[in-house]
Amino acid sequence: MTWLLATILVPLVGAAVVAGMKKNDRLATLTALAVSILTFLLVIPLWASYSPTGDRIQQKSSMDWIPNFGIHISFGIDGIALVMIAVIGLLVPIVVGSLGLTDKLPAGRSAGGYLSLILVQQSLTIAVFAATDVFLFYVLFEIMLIPMYFLIGGYGGANRQYAAVKFFLYSFLGGLIMLASAIGAYSMASDELGKGTFDWETLVTVVRDAPTGTQIWLFLGFFLAFAIKAPLVPFHTWLPDAAGQAPIGVAVLLVGVLDKVGTFGFLRYLLPMFPAASKELAPWVLVLAVAGVLYGSILAAGQRDMKRFIAYVSIAHFGFIALGIFTFNEQAMVGSVSYMLNHSLATGMLIVVVGLIVMRGGSTKISDYGGMAKVTPLLGGMLLIAGLSTLSLPGTNSFISEFLVLLGSFVDYPVYTIIATVGMVLAAAYVLWLYQRVMQGPVRGDALVGAGGGPGTAIAPELGATKAIKDLGGKEIAILAPMVVLIIALGFYPKPVLDTITPSVQATMSSLDAQSVNVGGAK
């Protein structure tokens, strides 16, 4: 039993316990919170036992699953997986603790059912990041869609069924195509070694020497699955619907964690296994990445719904992450990996704050709000902090990530970098626009003005009608405080994270031999 296995199993066992508490919502919530906090505490020794200068894959464990086909239940982590597991460990207690503060369960639904699905989702997502058998990764990649499907379809908004089905079908079909490529890699290993295997480390040594044409076909199968999950334009259309209809807590996990499986797949599978294909197709991926930055930024401007707005801003950020990965520059790649972590923190906090706003105002429409900072100054401050982190203000956690991506990618791809920078500036402007519309100006909205006016009605706060809602309470501050601390702490001292992920990025770079190979005309 390793710390990694314990981190996977504890939420799974906890989910089984919580699922049996359907008649006692309070007990179910407290139990789920205790399980999620215990899982987070397990991340501490997991991180402490990881040696950045040690083996590429650590905390290894393996057992036979289908030995006749060389399939194992095997887990292990590198620095990239470790930081993603850590952010999952942090966000799930926040999601559990925010139940009732950011979300209300539909009538007839128990907290036990909802929270057990959250814990199952946590366990499966950690396992996906830790899987070192390609077939096991595929199985987990598909199975983790099931709890998310039920979370969106059972607890979401008015169009939840459409959003849940669309989310499931996109990712499921992408996974099937990935399976075809995985079988192709298995066959190559069988021809080369005399027996087939899905072991990741073995496949890397076998497949990376295949002809470029063969690599391209296998690359495309994995790439499509990861591009859908990431999501890259034009494979992104499921995200605004899913994020817009999902409950706030589920949206935090969907946008903050599950999407990172796609960018993680680029780093763990595409680049090491298919280096020649990665170099050959990199210019095309960069076009999609930059298009995603511009598309997401521009579409965000037209959104009336706050949750869909965050989804489109995130699409722009994922394009920026992909830009840093496929420029094959160490600085840019380190920036992209740290961006995966920092985007989870910034966007996770932004979604939680939006949930707190919606619980007070009763609407997700931006136009239904105005002047909230006059009524709820603490809530306004939290929205500002989350927004500043999202737009990568110096002194916040996201700044160093964005700076490293720009610094590294500009060396070889200045045009793409400049275009992407313009897109990110637009996204930043729209985040400030969201804050200005919701928190500044005349007070607007039913919940804000009480019985004295309807949506769109301005009223002077000194008249006293604005006392219909309250500012943040102790529980809400406790939920937001960890993210605020990390946003500021990592903004001024990102070294622990960068030291953890850099060796893994260097290992990925060495598999590409990017420093000595001409990639799309770049040295």
Protein backbone atom coordinates (compact mmCIF):
# COMPACT_ATOMS: atom_id res chain seq x y z
CA MET A 1 0.00 0.00 0.00
CA THR A 2 1.54 3.28 -1.15
CA TRP A 3 0.44 6.82 -0.34
CA LEU A 4 -0.81 7.03 -3.91
CA LEU A 5 -3.04 3.96 -3.60
CA ALA A 6 -4.42 5.27 -0.32
CA THR A 7 -5.25 8.59 -2.00
CA ILE A 8 -7.19 6.69 -4.69
CA LEU A 9 -8.99 4.27 -2.38
CA VAL A 10 -10.04 6.53 0.51
CA PRO A 11 -12.60 8.60 -1.46
CA LEU A 12 -13.89 5.44 -3.16
CA VAL A 13 -14.54 3.75 0.18
CA GLY A 14 -15.95 7.00 1.53
CA ALA A 15 -18.36 7.19 -1.39
CA ALA A 16 -19.77 3.76 -0.50
CA VAL A 17 -20.32 4.89 3.09
CA VAL A 18 -21.90 8.22 2.14
CA ALA A 19 -24.20 6.59 -0.42
CA GLY A 20 -25.89 4.69 2.42
CA MET A 21 -26.80 7.93 4.24
CA LYS A 22 -29.63 9.02 1.98
CA LYS A 23 -31.98 9.74 4.88
CA ASN A 24 -29.62 12.02 6.80
CA ASP A 25 -28.27 14.87 4.69
CA ARG A 26 -26.33 16.47 7.50
CA LEU A 27 -24.53 13.26 8.44
CA ALA A 28 -23.80 12.54 4.77
CA THR A 29 -22.32 16.02 4.31
CA LEU A 30 -20.16 15.80 7.42
CA THR A 31 -18.93 12.32 6.48
CA ALA A 32 -18.13 13.35 2.90
CA LEU A 33 -16.32 16.43 4.20
CA ALA A 34 -14.26 14.30 6.60
CA VAL A 35 -13.38 11.85 3.80
CA SER A 36 -12.39 14.66 1.41
CA ILE A 37 -10.24 16.34 4.07
CA LEU A 38 -8.56 13.00 4.85
CA THR A 39 -7.82 12.57 1.14
CA PHE A 40 -6.27 16.04 1.06
CA LEU A 41 -4.16 15.20 4.12
CA LEU A 42 -2.90 12.09 2.32
CA VAL A 43 -1.59 14.35 -0.44
CA ILE A 44 0.85 15.88 2.06
CA PRO A 45 2.95 12.71 2.62
CA LEU A 46 2.49 11.85 -1.06
CA TRP A 47 4.11 15.17 -1.99
CA ALA A 48 6.75 14.87 0.76
CA SER A 49 7.79 11.40 -0.42
CA TYR A 50 8.17 12.51 -4.05
CA SER A 51 11.74 13.26 -5.12
CA PRO A 52 12.01 15.60 -8.14
CA THR A 53 15.52 14.26 -8.79
CA GLY A 54 14.43 10.62 -8.50
CA ASP A 55 12.88 8.27 -11.04
CA ARG A 56 10.47 9.65 -13.64
CA ILE A 57 7.63 7.52 -12.24
CA GLN A 58 7.42 7.10 -8.46
CA GLN A 59 5.01 5.57 -5.94
CA LYS A 60 4.73 2.58 -8.26
CA SER A 61 2.33 -0.28 -7.65
CA SER A 62 1.18 -2.99 -10.04
CA MET A 63 -0.85 -6.18 -10.16
CA ASP A 64 -1.93 -8.46 -12.99
CA TRP A 65 -5.36 -7.74 -14.43
CA ILE A 66 -5.55 -9.56 -17.78
CA PRO A 67 -2.10 -11.16 -17.98
CA ASN A 68 -2.74 -12.90 -21.33
CA PHE A 69 -2.87 -9.47 -22.95
CA GLY A 70 -0.19 -7.82 -20.84
CA ILE A 71 -2.71 -5.63 -19.01
CA HIS A 72 -2.02 -4.55 -15.45
CA ILE A 73 -3.61 -2.39 -12.79
CA SER A 74 -0.58 -0.19 -12.34
CA PHE A 75 -0.18 3.27 -10.91
CA GLY A 76 2.61 5.79 -10.48
CA ILE A 77 3.14 9.53 -10.57
CA ASP A 78 5.51 12.08 -11.98
CA GLY A 79 5.68 15.73 -10.97
CA ILE A 80 2.95 16.73 -13.41
CA ALA A 81 0.50 14.14 -12.10
CA LEU A 82 1.39 15.05 -8.53
CA VAL A 83 0.39 18.70 -8.82
CA MET A 84 -2.92 17.74 -10.46
CA ILE A 85 -3.67 15.22 -7.72
CA ALA A 86 -2.88 17.91 -5.15
CA VAL A 87 -5.33 20.36 -6.70
CA ILE A 88 -8.03 17.67 -6.77
CA GLY A 89 -7.38 17.04 -3.10
CA LEU A 90 -7.86 20.74 -2.39
CA LEU A 91 -10.94 21.41 -4.53
CA VAL A 92 -13.12 18.49 -3.44
CA PRO A 93 -13.37 19.56 0.25
CA ILE A 94 -14.29 23.03 -1.02
CA VAL A 95 -16.98 21.56 -3.26
CA VAL A 96 -18.36 19.41 -0.43
CA GLY A 97 -18.24 22.25 2.09
CA SER A 98 -19.99 24.63 -0.28
CA LEU A 99 -23.09 22.44 -0.63
CA GLY A 100 -26.02 24.56 0.51
CA LEU A 101 -24.00 27.76 0.13
CA THR A 102 -23.54 27.69 -3.65
CA ASP A 103 -26.02 24.94 -4.64
CA LYS A 104 -29.41 23.70 -3.57
CA LEU A 105 -30.22 20.08 -4.30
CA PRO A 106 -33.32 19.46 -6.45
CA ALA A 107 -36.43 18.38 -4.61
CA GLY A 108 -36.36 14.71 -3.73
CA ARG A 109 -32.58 14.43 -4.12
CA SER A 110 -30.44 13.49 -1.14
CA ALA A 111 -27.06 14.88 -0.21
CA GLY A 112 -25.79 11.31 0.17
CA GLY A 113 -26.37 10.50 -3.47
CA TYR A 114 -24.85 13.74 -4.71
CA LEU A 115 -21.77 13.64 -2.47
CA SER A 116 -21.08 9.95 -3.11
CA LEU A 117 -20.87 10.75 -6.83
CA ILE A 118 -18.48 13.63 -6.05
CA LEU A 119 -16.19 11.27 -4.10
CA VAL A 120 -16.32 8.61 -6.83
CA GLN A 121 -15.41 11.32 -9.33
CA GLN A 122 -12.46 12.33 -7.16
CA SER A 123 -11.17 8.76 -6.89
CA LEU A 124 -11.46 8.07 -10.62
CA THR A 125 -9.84 11.37 -11.60
CA ILE A 126 -6.86 10.76 -9.31
CA ALA A 127 -6.57 7.26 -10.78
CA VAL A 128 -6.58 8.64 -14.34
CA PHE A 129 -3.64 10.91 -13.58
CA ALA A 130 -1.81 8.04 -11.85
CA ALA A 131 -2.42 5.20 -14.35
CA THR A 132 0.75 3.83 -15.97
CA ASP A 133 -0.95 1.12 -18.03
CA VAL A 134 -2.39 2.56 -21.24
CA PHE A 135 -5.38 0.21 -21.29
CA LEU A 136 -6.14 1.01 -17.65
CA PHE A 137 -5.89 4.71 -18.52
CA TYR A 138 -8.43 4.22 -21.31
CA VAL A 139 -10.84 2.36 -19.02
CA LEU A 140 -10.61 5.02 -16.33
CA PHE A 141 -10.83 7.77 -18.98
CA GLU A 142 -14.23 6.38 -20.00
CA ILE A 143 -15.53 5.30 -16.58
CA MET A 144 -14.93 8.72 -15.02
CA LEU A 145 -17.54 10.08 -17.44
CA ILE A 146 -20.28 8.15 -15.62
CA PRO A 147 -20.40 10.00 -12.28
CA MET A 148 -20.04 13.34 -14.08
CA TYR A 149 -22.91 12.40 -16.40
CA PHE A 150 -25.19 11.72 -13.43
CA LEU A 151 -24.01 14.82 -11.57
CA ILE A 152 -24.90 17.06 -14.51
CA GLY A 153 -28.00 15.17 -15.62
CA GLY A 154 -29.43 14.63 -12.15
CA TYR A 155 -28.57 17.86 -10.35
CA GLY A 156 -28.09 20.50 -13.05
CA GLY A 157 -30.20 23.23 -14.62
CA ALA A 158 -33.23 23.17 -16.88
CA ASN A 159 -31.34 21.77 -19.90
CA ARG A 160 -29.24 19.35 -17.85
CA GLN A 161 -30.16 16.22 -19.80
CA TYR A 162 -29.05 17.70 -23.12
CA ALA A 163 -25.81 18.98 -21.60
CA ALA A 164 -25.07 15.67 -19.86
CA VAL A 165 -25.64 13.57 -22.98
CA LYS A 166 -23.57 15.93 -25.13
CA PHE A 167 -20.72 15.84 -22.61
CA PHE A 168 -20.82 12.05 -22.41
CA LEU A 169 -21.02 11.36 -26.15
CA TYR A 170 -18.19 13.72 -27.07
CA SER A 171 -15.76 12.26 -24.54
CA PHE A 172 -16.89 8.66 -24.99
CA LEU A 173 -16.47 8.69 -28.77
CA GLY A 174 -13.09 10.37 -28.43
CA GLY A 175 -12.07 7.62 -26.00
CA LEU A 176 -13.09 4.89 -28.45
CA ILE A 177 -10.86 6.38 -31.13
CA MET A 178 -8.03 6.54 -28.57
CA LEU A 179 -8.59 2.84 -27.85
CA ALA A 180 -8.03 2.04 -31.54
CA SER A 181 -4.67 3.83 -31.39
CA ALA A 182 -3.78 2.07 -28.14
CA ILE A 183 -4.46 -1.29 -29.79
CA GLY A 184 -2.22 -0.22 -32.68
CA ALA A 185 0.57 0.54 -30.21
CA TYR A 186 -0.03 -2.83 -28.53
CA SER A 187 0.34 -4.60 -31.88
CA MET A 188 3.61 -2.81 -32.54
CA ALA A 189 4.92 -3.95 -29.17
CA SER A 190 3.82 -7.51 -29.96
CA ASP A 191 5.74 -7.46 -33.25
CA GLU A 192 8.81 -5.88 -31.67
CA LEU A 193 8.99 -7.78 -28.38
CA GLY A 194 7.24 -11.03 -29.22
CA LYS A 195 4.41 -10.25 -26.81
CA GLY A 196 1.97 -7.40 -26.49
CA THR A 197 1.91 -4.94 -23.60
CA PHE A 198 0.09 -1.80 -22.55
CA ASP A 199 2.78 -0.74 -20.08
CA TRP A 200 3.40 2.96 -20.69
CA GLU A 201 7.17 2.93 -20.16
CA THR A 202 7.59 -0.06 -22.50
CA LEU A 203 5.37 1.41 -25.21
CA VAL A 204 7.35 4.66 -25.13
CA THR A 205 10.55 2.78 -26.00
CA VAL A 206 8.84 0.80 -28.77
CA VAL A 207 6.47 3.23 -30.48
CA ARG A 208 8.75 6.27 -30.49
CA ASP A 209 11.00 4.56 -33.05
CA ALA A 210 8.15 3.75 -35.46
CA PRO A 211 8.04 5.41 -38.91
CA THR A 212 6.61 8.92 -38.90
CA GLY A 213 3.59 7.93 -40.98
CA THR A 214 2.62 5.20 -38.51
CA GLN A 215 3.14 7.54 -35.59
CA ILE A 216 0.88 10.15 -37.16
CA TRP A 217 -2.07 7.76 -37.40
CA LEU A 218 -1.61 6.60 -33.81
CA PHE A 219 -1.04 10.19 -32.67
CA LEU A 220 -4.33 11.34 -34.18
CA GLY A 221 -6.35 8.78 -32.21
CA PHE A 222 -4.93 9.93 -28.89
CA PHE A 223 -4.96 13.59 -29.90
CA LEU A 224 -8.67 13.63 -30.76
CA ALA A 225 -9.59 12.20 -27.35
CA PHE A 226 -7.38 14.69 -25.53
CA ALA A 227 -8.40 17.66 -27.70
CA ILE A 228 -12.06 16.98 -26.87
CA LYS A 229 -11.30 16.69 -23.18
CA ALA A 230 -9.01 19.76 -23.07
CA PRO A 231 -11.07 21.27 -24.89
CA LEU A 232 -9.43 22.70 -28.00
CA VAL A 233 -11.40 24.50 -30.71
CA PRO A 234 -13.26 23.09 -32.67
CA PHE A 235 -13.83 20.17 -30.25
CA HIS A 236 -15.00 22.41 -27.42
CA THR A 237 -18.74 22.80 -27.92
CA TRP A 238 -19.72 20.45 -25.09
CA LEU A 239 -18.05 22.59 -22.40
CA PRO A 240 -20.23 25.75 -22.39
CA ASP A 241 -23.38 23.62 -22.23
CA ALA A 242 -22.02 21.28 -19.54
CA ALA A 243 -20.54 24.07 -17.41
CA GLY A 244 -23.63 26.23 -17.86
CA GLN A 245 -26.01 23.50 -16.69
CA ALA A 246 -23.88 21.81 -14.04
CA PRO A 247 -24.30 22.68 -10.35
CA ILE A 248 -21.63 25.08 -9.10
CA GLY A 249 -19.65 22.40 -7.25
CA VAL A 250 -19.72 20.11 -10.27
CA ALA A 251 -18.65 22.98 -12.56
CA VAL A 252 -15.63 23.54 -10.29
CA LEU A 253 -14.50 19.95 -10.88
CA LEU A 254 -15.45 19.94 -14.55
CA VAL A 255 -13.64 23.15 -15.55
CA GLY A 256 -11.00 23.06 -12.84
CA VAL A 257 -9.90 19.42 -12.98
CA LEU A 258 -11.45 17.11 -15.59
CA ASP A 259 -10.43 19.31 -18.51
CA LYS A 260 -6.80 18.99 -17.42
CA VAL A 261 -6.88 15.29 -18.31
CA GLY A 262 -6.65 16.44 -21.93
CA THR A 263 -3.59 18.63 -21.52
CA PHE A 264 -2.06 16.03 -19.21
CA GLY A 265 -2.56 13.47 -21.98
CA PHE A 266 -0.61 15.67 -24.39
CA LEU A 267 2.35 15.59 -22.02
CA ARG A 268 2.18 11.99 -20.79
CA TYR A 269 1.19 10.16 -23.98
CA LEU A 270 1.45 12.19 -27.18
CA LEU A 271 4.88 13.73 -26.87
CA PRO A 272 6.85 10.79 -25.38
CA MET A 273 5.15 8.05 -27.42
CA PHE A 274 4.91 9.85 -30.76
CA PRO A 275 7.79 12.36 -30.92
CA ALA A 276 8.12 12.36 -34.71
CA ALA A 277 4.38 12.83 -35.22
CA SER A 278 4.30 15.53 -32.53
CA LYS A 279 6.99 17.48 -34.35
CA GLU A 280 5.34 16.97 -37.72
CA LEU A 281 1.87 18.06 -36.60
CA ALA A 282 2.88 20.73 -34.07
CA PRO A 283 2.25 23.69 -36.44
CA TRP A 284 -1.33 22.52 -36.98
CA VAL A 285 -1.91 22.09 -33.25
CA LEU A 286 -0.53 25.57 -32.66
CA VAL A 287 -3.04 26.97 -35.14
CA LEU A 288 -5.86 25.31 -33.16
CA ALA A 289 -4.38 26.59 -29.90
CA VAL A 290 -4.17 30.21 -31.06
CA ALA A 291 -7.62 29.97 -32.67
CA GLY A 292 -8.95 28.75 -29.33
CA VAL A 293 -7.43 31.71 -27.50
CA LEU A 294 -9.06 34.21 -29.86
CA TYR A 295 -12.33 32.32 -30.21
CA GLY A 296 -12.80 31.83 -26.46
CA SER A 297 -11.95 35.44 -25.70
CA ILE A 298 -14.29 36.88 -28.32
CA LEU A 299 -17.19 34.54 -27.52
CA ALA A 300 -16.88 35.37 -23.83
CA ALA A 301 -17.82 38.95 -24.67
CA GLY A 302 -21.22 37.87 -25.96
CA GLN A 303 -22.25 35.72 -23.01
CA ARG A 304 -25.13 36.75 -20.79
CA ASP A 305 -24.75 33.82 -18.41
CA MET A 306 -21.92 34.00 -15.87
CA LYS A 307 -21.18 30.26 -15.93
CA ARG A 308 -21.02 30.13 -19.73
CA PHE A 309 -18.82 33.23 -19.62
CA ILE A 310 -16.31 31.40 -17.41
CA ALA A 311 -16.43 28.38 -19.74
CA TYR A 312 -15.44 30.48 -22.77
CA VAL A 313 -12.68 32.27 -20.87
CA SER A 314 -11.38 28.81 -19.89
CA ILE A 315 -11.39 27.72 -23.53
CA ALA A 316 -9.06 30.64 -24.22
CA HIS A 317 -6.81 29.56 -21.35
CA PHE A 318 -6.65 25.99 -22.60
CA GLY A 319 -5.55 27.24 -25.99
CA PHE A 320 -2.79 29.13 -24.22
CA ILE A 321 -1.73 25.97 -22.34
CA ALA A 322 -1.60 24.01 -25.61
CA LEU A 323 0.53 26.79 -27.15
CA GLY A 324 3.14 26.35 -24.42
CA ILE A 325 3.18 22.56 -24.79
CA PHE A 326 3.55 22.36 -28.56
CA THR A 327 6.25 24.99 -28.93
CA PHE A 328 8.60 22.35 -27.43
CA ASN A 329 10.39 24.91 -25.33
CA GLU A 330 11.21 23.99 -21.75
CA GLN A 331 10.24 27.35 -20.27
CA ALA A 332 6.95 27.40 -22.15
CA MET A 333 6.16 23.80 -21.20
CA VAL A 334 6.89 24.43 -17.51
CA GLY A 335 4.63 27.48 -17.79
CA SER A 336 1.85 25.37 -19.31
CA VAL A 337 2.03 22.73 -16.59
CA SER A 338 2.00 25.34 -13.82
CA TYR A 339 -0.87 27.04 -15.68
CA MET A 340 -2.84 23.79 -15.37
CA LEU A 341 -2.55 24.08 -11.59
CA ASN A 342 -3.07 27.82 -11.37
CA HIS A 343 -6.03 27.81 -13.75
CA SER A 344 -7.68 25.23 -11.49
CA LEU A 345 -7.24 27.50 -8.47
CA ALA A 346 -8.28 30.74 -10.17
CA THR A 347 -11.22 29.31 -12.10
CA GLY A 348 -12.30 27.14 -9.18
CA MET A 349 -12.50 30.20 -6.94
CA LEU A 350 -14.23 32.24 -9.64
CA ILE A 351 -16.94 29.60 -10.08
CA VAL A 352 -17.48 29.29 -6.31
CA VAL A 353 -17.83 33.07 -5.99
CA VAL A 354 -20.31 33.09 -8.87
CA GLY A 355 -22.26 30.40 -7.02
CA LEU A 356 -22.39 32.59 -3.93
CA ILE A 357 -23.64 35.47 -6.05
CA VAL A 358 -26.31 33.34 -7.71
CA MET A 359 -27.56 32.03 -4.35
CA ARG A 360 -28.11 35.64 -3.30
CA GLY A 361 -29.51 36.98 -6.55
CA GLY A 362 -31.34 33.95 -7.87
CA SER A 363 -30.04 34.32 -11.43
CA THR A 364 -26.96 33.51 -13.48
CA LYS A 365 -27.62 36.35 -15.93
CA ILE A 366 -25.07 39.15 -15.75
CA SER A 367 -27.70 41.77 -16.60
CA ASP A 368 -29.68 40.93 -13.46
CA TYR A 369 -26.94 42.32 -11.21
CA GLY A 370 -25.27 45.60 -10.43
CA GLY A 371 -23.78 47.44 -7.50
CA MET A 372 -23.38 44.32 -5.34
CA ALA A 373 -20.13 45.59 -3.83
CA LYS A 374 -22.18 48.28 -2.08
CA VAL A 375 -24.21 45.56 -0.40
CA THR A 376 -21.68 42.74 -0.07
CA PRO A 377 -18.18 44.27 -0.03
CA LEU A 378 -16.46 41.05 1.08
CA LEU A 379 -18.08 39.09 -1.74
CA GLY A 380 -17.08 41.84 -4.14
CA GLY A 381 -13.48 41.59 -2.93
CA MET A 382 -13.46 37.83 -3.46
CA LEU A 383 -14.75 38.21 -7.00
CA LEU A 384 -12.03 40.78 -7.65
CA ILE A 385 -9.28 38.48 -6.33
CA ALA A 386 -10.54 35.56 -8.43
CA GLY A 387 -10.81 37.82 -11.47
CA LEU A 388 -7.31 39.26 -11.03
CA SER A 389 -5.89 35.75 -10.73
CA THR A 390 -7.78 34.71 -13.87
CA LEU A 391 -6.30 37.61 -15.83
CA SER A 392 -2.80 36.83 -14.47
CA LEU A 393 -2.10 40.04 -12.60
CA PRO A 394 1.51 40.17 -11.29
CA GLY A 395 1.49 39.01 -7.69
CA THR A 396 -1.15 36.36 -8.33
CA ASN A 397 -0.48 32.68 -8.98
CA SER A 398 -1.27 32.72 -12.72
CA PHE A 399 1.22 35.45 -13.62
CA ILE A 400 4.38 33.33 -13.55
CA SER A 401 2.68 30.64 -15.63
CA GLU A 402 1.57 33.05 -18.32
CA PHE A 403 4.95 34.81 -18.28
CA LEU A 404 6.85 31.54 -18.81
CA VAL A 405 4.59 30.51 -21.68
CA LEU A 406 5.06 33.87 -23.38
CA LEU A 407 8.80 33.91 -22.75
CA GLY A 408 9.36 30.41 -24.07
CA SER A 409 7.00 30.40 -27.04
CA PHE A 410 8.09 33.80 -28.33
CA VAL A 411 11.59 32.46 -29.04
CA ASP A 412 10.48 30.17 -31.88
CA TYR A 413 6.91 31.28 -32.64
CA PRO A 414 6.69 35.06 -32.15
CA VAL A 415 3.67 35.52 -34.43
CA TYR A 416 1.59 32.87 -32.67
CA THR A 417 2.65 34.26 -29.32
CA ILE A 418 1.68 37.83 -30.19
CA ILE A 419 -1.73 36.72 -31.48
CA ALA A 420 -2.31 34.63 -28.36
CA THR A 421 -1.29 37.57 -26.17
CA VAL A 422 -3.91 39.75 -27.84
CA GLY A 423 -6.51 37.09 -27.09
CA MET A 424 -5.48 36.84 -23.45
CA VAL A 425 -5.65 40.62 -23.11
CA LEU A 426 -9.22 40.48 -24.42
CA ALA A 427 -10.06 37.72 -21.93
CA ALA A 428 -8.62 39.84 -19.13
CA ALA A 429 -10.72 42.80 -20.23
CA TYR A 430 -13.87 40.68 -20.19
CA VAL A 431 -13.15 39.44 -16.67
CA LEU A 432 -12.92 43.04 -15.50
CA TRP A 433 -16.09 43.76 -17.46
CA LEU A 434 -17.85 40.97 -15.53
CA TYR A 435 -16.72 42.46 -12.22
CA GLN A 436 -17.78 45.96 -13.27
CA ARG A 437 -21.24 44.83 -14.40
CA VAL A 438 -21.98 42.73 -11.32
CA MET A 439 -20.30 44.69 -8.52
CA GLN A 440 -20.19 48.33 -9.61
CA GLY A 441 -22.70 50.92 -10.73
CA PRO A 442 -26.28 51.32 -9.49
CA VAL A 443 -27.77 48.52 -7.42
CA ARG A 444 -29.90 46.20 -9.55
CA GLY A 445 -31.86 42.98 -9.12
CA ASP A 446 -34.75 41.60 -7.07
CA ALA A 447 -32.64 40.20 -4.26
CA LEU A 448 -30.69 43.44 -3.96
CA VAL A 449 -33.50 45.95 -3.98
CA GLY A 450 -36.02 43.78 -2.14
CA ALA A 451 -39.67 44.45 -2.78
CA GLY A 452 -38.92 47.97 -3.90
CA GLY A 453 -38.09 47.11 -7.48
CA GLY A 454 -37.65 44.39 -10.07
CA PRO A 455 -34.76 43.30 -12.27
CA GLY A 456 -33.10 46.26 -13.88
CA THR A 457 -34.46 48.72 -11.38
CA ALA A 458 -31.89 51.05 -9.87
CA ILE A 459 -32.29 52.19 -6.29
CA ALA A 460 -30.08 54.27 -4.03
CA PRO A 461 -28.44 52.11 -1.34
CA GLU A 462 -29.03 54.78 1.28
CA LEU A 463 -32.78 54.08 1.10
CA GLY A 464 -32.21 50.90 3.04
CA ALA A 465 -33.82 48.49 0.57
CA THR A 466 -30.47 46.89 -0.15
CA LYS A 467 -30.42 45.07 3.19
CA ALA A 468 -32.31 42.14 1.67
CA ILE A 469 -29.12 40.06 1.36
CA LYS A 470 -26.10 39.47 3.58
CA ASP A 471 -22.38 39.58 2.95
CA LEU A 472 -20.13 36.55 3.31
CA GLY A 473 -20.49 34.53 6.51
CA GLY A 474 -17.89 32.53 8.41
CA LYS A 475 -18.45 29.28 6.50
CA GLU A 476 -18.20 31.00 3.14
CA ILE A 477 -14.99 32.78 4.13
CA ALA A 478 -13.54 29.46 5.35
CA ILE A 479 -14.29 27.88 1.97
CA LEU A 480 -12.67 30.68 -0.03
CA ALA A 481 -9.71 31.32 2.30
CA PRO A 482 -7.51 28.37 1.16
CA MET A 483 -7.76 29.45 -2.47
CA VAL A 484 -7.02 33.08 -1.62
CA VAL A 485 -3.95 32.04 0.37
CA LEU A 486 -2.63 29.85 -2.46
CA ILE A 487 -3.34 32.46 -5.13
CA ILE A 488 -1.25 35.01 -3.25
CA ALA A 489 1.41 32.61 -1.94
CA LEU A 490 2.10 31.03 -5.36
CA GLY A 491 2.07 34.50 -6.89
CA PHE A 492 5.07 35.50 -4.79
CA TYR A 493 6.74 32.11 -4.25
CA PRO A 494 6.01 29.54 -7.00
CA LYS A 495 9.32 27.70 -6.48
CA PRO A 496 7.92 24.53 -4.79
CA VAL A 497 5.60 23.89 -7.72
CA LEU A 498 8.16 24.76 -10.39
CA ASP A 499 10.82 22.56 -8.74
CA THR A 500 8.37 19.65 -8.72
CA ILE A 501 7.26 19.84 -12.33
CA THR A 502 10.48 20.91 -14.06
CA PRO A 503 12.25 17.49 -13.97
CA SER A 504 9.17 15.83 -15.47
CA VAL A 505 9.04 18.45 -18.20
CA GLN A 506 12.74 17.92 -18.87
CA ALA A 507 12.12 14.18 -19.19
CA THR A 508 9.38 14.89 -21.72
CA MET A 509 11.68 17.24 -23.60
CA SER A 510 14.44 14.63 -23.68
CA SER A 511 12.05 12.16 -25.29
CA LEU A 512 11.45 14.70 -28.03
CA ASP A 513 15.10 15.77 -28.38
CA ALA A 514 13.50 19.14 -29.16
CA GLN A 515 16.65 21.15 -28.72
CA SER A 516 18.35 19.63 -31.73
CA VAL A 517 15.46 18.98 -34.07
CA ASN A 518 13.96 21.41 -36.55
CA VAL A 519 10.23 21.74 -35.79
CA GLY A 520 8.20 23.53 -38.40
CA GLY A 521 11.15 25.75 -39.23
CA ALA A 522 12.07 26.52 -35.60
CA LYS A 523 15.42 25.51 -34.16
